[in-house]
Amino acid sequence: MSKESPPAGIRRRRVALIAAIAATVVAIDEITKSLAVADLAHRSVHLVGPFYLALYYNSGIAFSIGTGLTWPIILIAAALVLTVAWFARGVVTTTGAIAFGLILGGATGNLADRLFRGHHGAVVDFFYSGFWPTFNAGDASIVVGSALLAVTYWRAGNARH
């Protein structure tokens, strides 16, 4: 894999792909969170085995670390979204673009929750397993995108993805 930047046309297409994936993830994340708030406020829904849909509000970050530190978390999350967007614009592979789109979309959806949803800076979580912290579609996108980006880096042996 080359360390050179892709031609401008390819770069624009990859940036457009990142934006489209991010926008799709934000839409799915916000729609599913709105449905969870509307439908799970007074009940949980058993799916299968240890898996439930159950409404939780997380004012911390991953694994509820930093619960109650709303404004520092919002500022850090905004800085991270901007940083990911900055690095994403130089992506050289389609797989890297997909990964960055997933990460950017999930992070933006969670930041939007903190800023606009009115739950005092908390993020809506609703996938419950009993053995893993409760999460949402944005969280899942961040994890899948991060894993995909790691595999992309590993396979290319090059840090410009």
C-alpha atoms as a PDB file:
ATOM      1  CA  MET A   1       0.000   0.000   0.000  1.00  0.00           C
ATOM      2  CA  SER A   2       1.367   3.398  -0.960  1.00  0.00           C
ATOM      3  CA  LYS A   3       1.934   6.215   1.511  1.00  0.00           C
ATOM      4  CA  GLU A   4       1.038   8.767  -1.158  1.00  0.00           C
ATOM      5  CA  SER A   5      -2.228  10.684  -1.020  1.00  0.00           C
ATOM      6  CA  PRO A   6      -4.909   9.495  -3.428  1.00  0.00           C
ATOM      7  CA  PRO A   7      -5.851  11.725  -6.380  1.00  0.00           C
ATOM      8  CA  ALA A   8      -8.279  14.551  -5.534  1.00  0.00           C
ATOM      9  CA  GLY A   9     -11.290  12.830  -7.156  1.00  0.00           C
ATOM     10  CA  ILE A  10     -10.798   9.629  -5.172  1.00  0.00           C
ATOM     11  CA  ARG A  11     -10.199  11.614  -1.992  1.00  0.00           C
ATOM     12  CA  ARG A  12     -13.468  13.540  -2.499  1.00  0.00           C
ATOM     13  CA  ARG A  13     -15.371  10.274  -3.046  1.00  0.00           C
ATOM     14  CA  ARG A  14     -13.916   8.781   0.128  1.00  0.00           C
ATOM     15  CA  VAL A  15     -14.760  11.893   2.142  1.00  0.00           C
ATOM     16  CA  ALA A  16     -18.303  11.731   0.712  1.00  0.00           C
ATOM     17  CA  LEU A  17     -18.480   8.053   1.743  1.00  0.00           C
ATOM     18  CA  ILE A  18     -17.365   8.957   5.273  1.00  0.00           C
ATOM     19  CA  ALA A  19     -20.016  11.690   5.454  1.00  0.00           C
ATOM     20  CA  ALA A  20     -22.765   9.413   4.102  1.00  0.00           C
ATOM     21  CA  ILE A  21     -21.948   6.601   6.533  1.00  0.00           C
ATOM     22  CA  ALA A  22     -21.662   9.014   9.454  1.00  0.00           C
ATOM     23  CA  ALA A  23     -25.009  10.625   8.603  1.00  0.00           C
ATOM     24  CA  THR A  24     -26.660   7.203   8.295  1.00  0.00           C
ATOM     25  CA  VAL A  25     -25.251   6.080  11.659  1.00  0.00           C
ATOM     26  CA  VAL A  26     -26.414   9.312  13.343  1.00  0.00           C
ATOM     27  CA  ALA A  27     -29.907   8.850  11.883  1.00  0.00           C
ATOM     28  CA  ILE A  28     -30.150   5.200  12.976  1.00  0.00           C
ATOM     29  CA  ASP A  29     -28.710   6.054  16.392  1.00  0.00           C
ATOM     30  CA  GLU A  30     -31.102   8.942  17.022  1.00  0.00           C
ATOM     31  CA  ILE A  31     -34.161   7.076  15.729  1.00  0.00           C
ATOM     32  CA  THR A  32     -33.446   4.010  17.871  1.00  0.00           C
ATOM     33  CA  LYS A  33     -32.760   6.196  20.924  1.00  0.00           C
ATOM     34  CA  SER A  34     -36.042   8.067  20.401  1.00  0.00           C
ATOM     35  CA  LEU A  35     -37.894   4.761  20.118  1.00  0.00           C
ATOM     36  CA  ALA A  36     -36.187   3.494  23.272  1.00  0.00           C
ATOM     37  CA  VAL A  37     -37.131   6.623  25.240  1.00  0.00           C
ATOM     38  CA  ALA A  38     -40.748   6.390  24.012  1.00  0.00           C
ATOM     39  CA  ASP A  39     -41.246   2.631  24.380  1.00  0.00           C
ATOM     40  CA  LEU A  40     -38.943   1.499  27.190  1.00  0.00           C
ATOM     41  CA  ALA A  41     -39.563   4.163  29.828  1.00  0.00           C
ATOM     42  CA  HIS A  42     -41.662   1.847  32.017  1.00  0.00           C
ATOM     43  CA  ARG A  43     -40.702  -1.625  30.802  1.00  0.00           C
ATOM     44  CA  SER A  44     -37.940  -3.752  29.393  1.00  0.00           C
ATOM     45  CA  VAL A  45     -38.269  -6.200  26.509  1.00  0.00           C
ATOM     46  CA  HIS A  46     -36.652  -9.619  26.669  1.00  0.00           C
ATOM     47  CA  LEU A  47     -35.019 -10.566  23.366  1.00  0.00           C
ATOM     48  CA  VAL A  48     -33.262 -13.909  23.865  1.00  0.00           C
ATOM     49  CA  GLY A  49     -31.103 -15.403  26.597  1.00  0.00           C
ATOM     50  CA  PRO A  50     -29.516 -12.627  28.653  1.00  0.00           C
ATOM     51  CA  PHE A  51     -30.356  -9.912  26.081  1.00  0.00           C
ATOM     52  CA  TYR A  52     -32.927  -7.209  26.785  1.00  0.00           C
ATOM     53  CA  LEU A  53     -33.955  -3.818  25.567  1.00  0.00           C
ATOM     54  CA  ALA A  54     -33.955  -1.667  28.693  1.00  0.00           C
ATOM     55  CA  LEU A  55     -33.677   2.099  29.022  1.00  0.00           C
ATOM     56  CA  TYR A  56     -30.648   3.573  30.796  1.00  0.00           C
ATOM     57  CA  TYR A  57     -29.083   7.007  30.862  1.00  0.00           C
ATOM     58  CA  ASN A  58     -25.292   7.192  31.030  1.00  0.00           C
ATOM     59  CA  SER A  59     -23.856  10.553  32.069  1.00  0.00           C
ATOM     60  CA  GLY A  60     -20.328   9.138  32.023  1.00  0.00           C
ATOM     61  CA  ILE A  61     -18.218   7.760  29.209  1.00  0.00           C
ATOM     62  CA  ALA A  62     -17.543   4.098  28.382  1.00  0.00           C
ATOM     63  CA  PHE A  63     -18.382   1.761  31.270  1.00  0.00           C
ATOM     64  CA  SER A  64     -19.973   4.778  33.067  1.00  0.00           C
ATOM     65  CA  ILE A  65     -16.544   6.179  33.953  1.00  0.00           C
ATOM     66  CA  GLY A  66     -16.759   9.860  34.888  1.00  0.00           C
ATOM     67  CA  THR A  67     -20.453   9.837  35.751  1.00  0.00           C
ATOM     68  CA  GLY A  68     -21.540  13.359  36.589  1.00  0.00           C
ATOM     69  CA  LEU A  69     -18.700  15.135  34.759  1.00  0.00           C
ATOM     70  CA  THR A  70     -21.079  16.378  32.082  1.00  0.00           C
ATOM     71  CA  TRP A  71     -19.335  19.463  30.678  1.00  0.00           C
ATOM     72  CA  PRO A  72     -15.794  18.097  30.665  1.00  0.00           C
ATOM     73  CA  ILE A  73     -17.110  14.994  28.880  1.00  0.00           C
ATOM     74  CA  ILE A  74     -18.992  17.138  26.328  1.00  0.00           C
ATOM     75  CA  LEU A  75     -15.874  19.209  25.620  1.00  0.00           C
ATOM     76  CA  ILE A  76     -13.666  16.126  25.289  1.00  0.00           C
ATOM     77  CA  ALA A  77     -16.255  14.394  23.055  1.00  0.00           C
ATOM     78  CA  ALA A  78     -16.510  17.461  20.801  1.00  0.00           C
ATOM     79  CA  ALA A  79     -12.705  17.622  20.537  1.00  0.00           C
ATOM     80  CA  LEU A  80     -12.569  13.915  19.681  1.00  0.00           C
ATOM     81  CA  VAL A  81     -15.239  14.250  16.974  1.00  0.00           C
ATOM     82  CA  LEU A  82     -13.296  17.132  15.414  1.00  0.00           C
ATOM     83  CA  THR A  83     -10.021  15.187  15.670  1.00  0.00           C
ATOM     84  CA  VAL A  84     -11.519  12.083  14.030  1.00  0.00           C
ATOM     85  CA  ALA A  85     -12.994  14.249  11.265  1.00  0.00           C
ATOM     86  CA  TRP A  86      -9.592  15.896  10.722  1.00  0.00           C
ATOM     87  CA  PHE A  87      -7.764  12.579  10.382  1.00  0.00           C
ATOM     88  CA  ALA A  88     -10.552  11.006   8.324  1.00  0.00           C
ATOM     89  CA  ARG A  89     -10.134  13.505   5.494  1.00  0.00           C
ATOM     90  CA  GLY A  90      -6.744  11.946   4.630  1.00  0.00           C
ATOM     91  CA  VAL A  91      -8.016   8.364   4.417  1.00  0.00           C
ATOM     92  CA  VAL A  92      -6.446   6.367   1.577  1.00  0.00           C
ATOM     93  CA  THR A  93      -8.630   3.241   1.431  1.00  0.00           C
ATOM     94  CA  THR A  94     -12.347   2.606   1.090  1.00  0.00           C
ATOM     95  CA  THR A  95     -12.238   0.297   4.116  1.00  0.00           C
ATOM     96  CA  GLY A  96     -10.609   3.075   6.123  1.00  0.00           C
ATOM     97  CA  ALA A  97     -13.342   5.471   4.960  1.00  0.00           C
ATOM     98  CA  ILE A  98     -16.042   3.047   6.119  1.00  0.00           C
ATOM     99  CA  ALA A  99     -14.308   2.682   9.490  1.00  0.00           C
ATOM    100  CA  PHE A 100     -13.962   6.439   9.974  1.00  0.00           C
ATOM    101  CA  GLY A 101     -17.613   6.938   8.948  1.00  0.00           C
ATOM    102  CA  LEU A 102     -18.784   4.445  11.574  1.00  0.00           C
ATOM    103  CA  ILE A 103     -16.632   6.021  14.296  1.00  0.00           C
ATOM    104  CA  LEU A 104     -17.578   9.578  13.378  1.00  0.00           C
ATOM    105  CA  GLY A 105     -21.285   8.748  13.161  1.00  0.00           C
ATOM    106  CA  GLY A 106     -21.379   6.958  16.507  1.00  0.00           C
ATOM    107  CA  ALA A 107     -19.417   9.676  18.287  1.00  0.00           C
ATOM    108  CA  THR A 108     -21.556  12.425  16.748  1.00  0.00           C
ATOM    109  CA  GLY A 109     -24.773  10.640  17.741  1.00  0.00           C
ATOM    110  CA  ASN A 110     -23.627  10.337  21.337  1.00  0.00           C
ATOM    111  CA  LEU A 111     -22.449  13.958  21.402  1.00  0.00           C
ATOM    112  CA  ALA A 112     -25.835  15.044  20.027  1.00  0.00           C
ATOM    113  CA  ASP A 113     -27.507  13.174  22.900  1.00  0.00           C
ATOM    114  CA  ARG A 114     -25.392  15.011  25.440  1.00  0.00           C
ATOM    115  CA  LEU A 115     -26.092  18.402  23.881  1.00  0.00           C
ATOM    116  CA  PHE A 116     -29.690  18.229  22.669  1.00  0.00           C
ATOM    117  CA  ARG A 117     -31.690  15.401  24.210  1.00  0.00           C
ATOM    118  CA  GLY A 118     -32.399  17.080  27.561  1.00  0.00           C
ATOM    119  CA  HIS A 119     -31.246  14.309  29.895  1.00  0.00           C
ATOM    120  CA  HIS A 120     -28.668  16.504  31.663  1.00  0.00           C
ATOM    121  CA  GLY A 121     -25.800  15.454  29.398  1.00  0.00           C
ATOM    122  CA  ALA A 122     -26.579  11.739  29.556  1.00  0.00           C
ATOM    123  CA  VAL A 123     -26.547   9.374  26.594  1.00  0.00           C
ATOM    124  CA  VAL A 124     -29.498   7.038  26.001  1.00  0.00           C
ATOM    125  CA  ASP A 125     -28.447   3.375  26.191  1.00  0.00           C
ATOM    126  CA  PHE A 126     -30.833   0.464  25.698  1.00  0.00           C
ATOM    127  CA  PHE A 127     -29.091  -2.776  24.614  1.00  0.00           C
ATOM    128  CA  TYR A 128     -28.639  -4.735  27.847  1.00  0.00           C
ATOM    129  CA  SER A 129     -26.863  -8.068  28.128  1.00  0.00           C
ATOM    130  CA  GLY A 130     -26.199  -8.545  31.823  1.00  0.00           C
ATOM    131  CA  PHE A 131     -22.515  -9.264  31.172  1.00  0.00           C
ATOM    132  CA  TRP A 132     -21.532  -6.093  29.275  1.00  0.00           C
ATOM    133  CA  PRO A 133     -22.370  -2.442  29.896  1.00  0.00           C
ATOM    134  CA  THR A 134     -25.615  -1.277  28.329  1.00  0.00           C
ATOM    135  CA  PHE A 135     -24.998   0.399  24.965  1.00  0.00           C
ATOM    136  CA  ASN A 136     -26.669   1.976  21.932  1.00  0.00           C
ATOM    137  CA  ALA A 137     -26.300   1.881  18.134  1.00  0.00           C
ATOM    138  CA  GLY A 138     -23.737   4.712  18.214  1.00  0.00           C
ATOM    139  CA  ASP A 139     -21.579   2.808  20.690  1.00  0.00           C
ATOM    140  CA  ALA A 140     -21.771  -0.312  18.528  1.00  0.00           C
ATOM    141  CA  SER A 141     -20.744   1.717  15.464  1.00  0.00           C
ATOM    142  CA  ILE A 142     -17.738   3.143  17.313  1.00  0.00           C
ATOM    143  CA  VAL A 143     -16.611  -0.338  18.360  1.00  0.00           C
ATOM    144  CA  VAL A 144     -17.113  -1.894  14.920  1.00  0.00           C
ATOM    145  CA  GLY A 145     -15.468   1.088  13.189  1.00  0.00           C
ATOM    146  CA  SER A 146     -12.504   1.015  15.576  1.00  0.00           C
ATOM    147  CA  ALA A 147     -12.006  -2.718  15.040  1.00  0.00           C
ATOM    148  CA  LEU A 148     -12.255  -2.268  11.272  1.00  0.00           C
ATOM    149  CA  LEU A 149      -9.750   0.598  11.379  1.00  0.00           C
ATOM    150  CA  ALA A 150      -7.350  -1.482  13.478  1.00  0.00           C
ATOM    151  CA  VAL A 151      -7.581  -4.374  11.013  1.00  0.00           C
ATOM    152  CA  THR A 152      -7.065  -1.947   8.128  1.00  0.00           C
ATOM    153  CA  TYR A 153      -3.898  -0.570   9.750  1.00  0.00           C
ATOM    154  CA  TRP A 154      -2.654  -4.035  10.596  1.00  0.00           C
ATOM    155  CA  ARG A 155      -3.237  -5.417   7.105  1.00  0.00           C
ATOM    156  CA  ALA A 156      -1.639  -2.450   5.380  1.00  0.00           C
ATOM    157  CA  GLY A 157       1.280  -2.124   7.790  1.00  0.00           C
ATOM    158  CA  ASN A 158       0.931   1.613   7.280  1.00  0.00           C
ATOM    159  CA  ALA A 159      -0.462   4.354   9.531  1.00  0.00           C
ATOM    160  CA  ARG A 160      -2.193   6.480   6.835  1.00  0.00           C
ATOM    161  CA  HIS A 161      -5.661   4.969   6.687  1.00  0.00           C
END
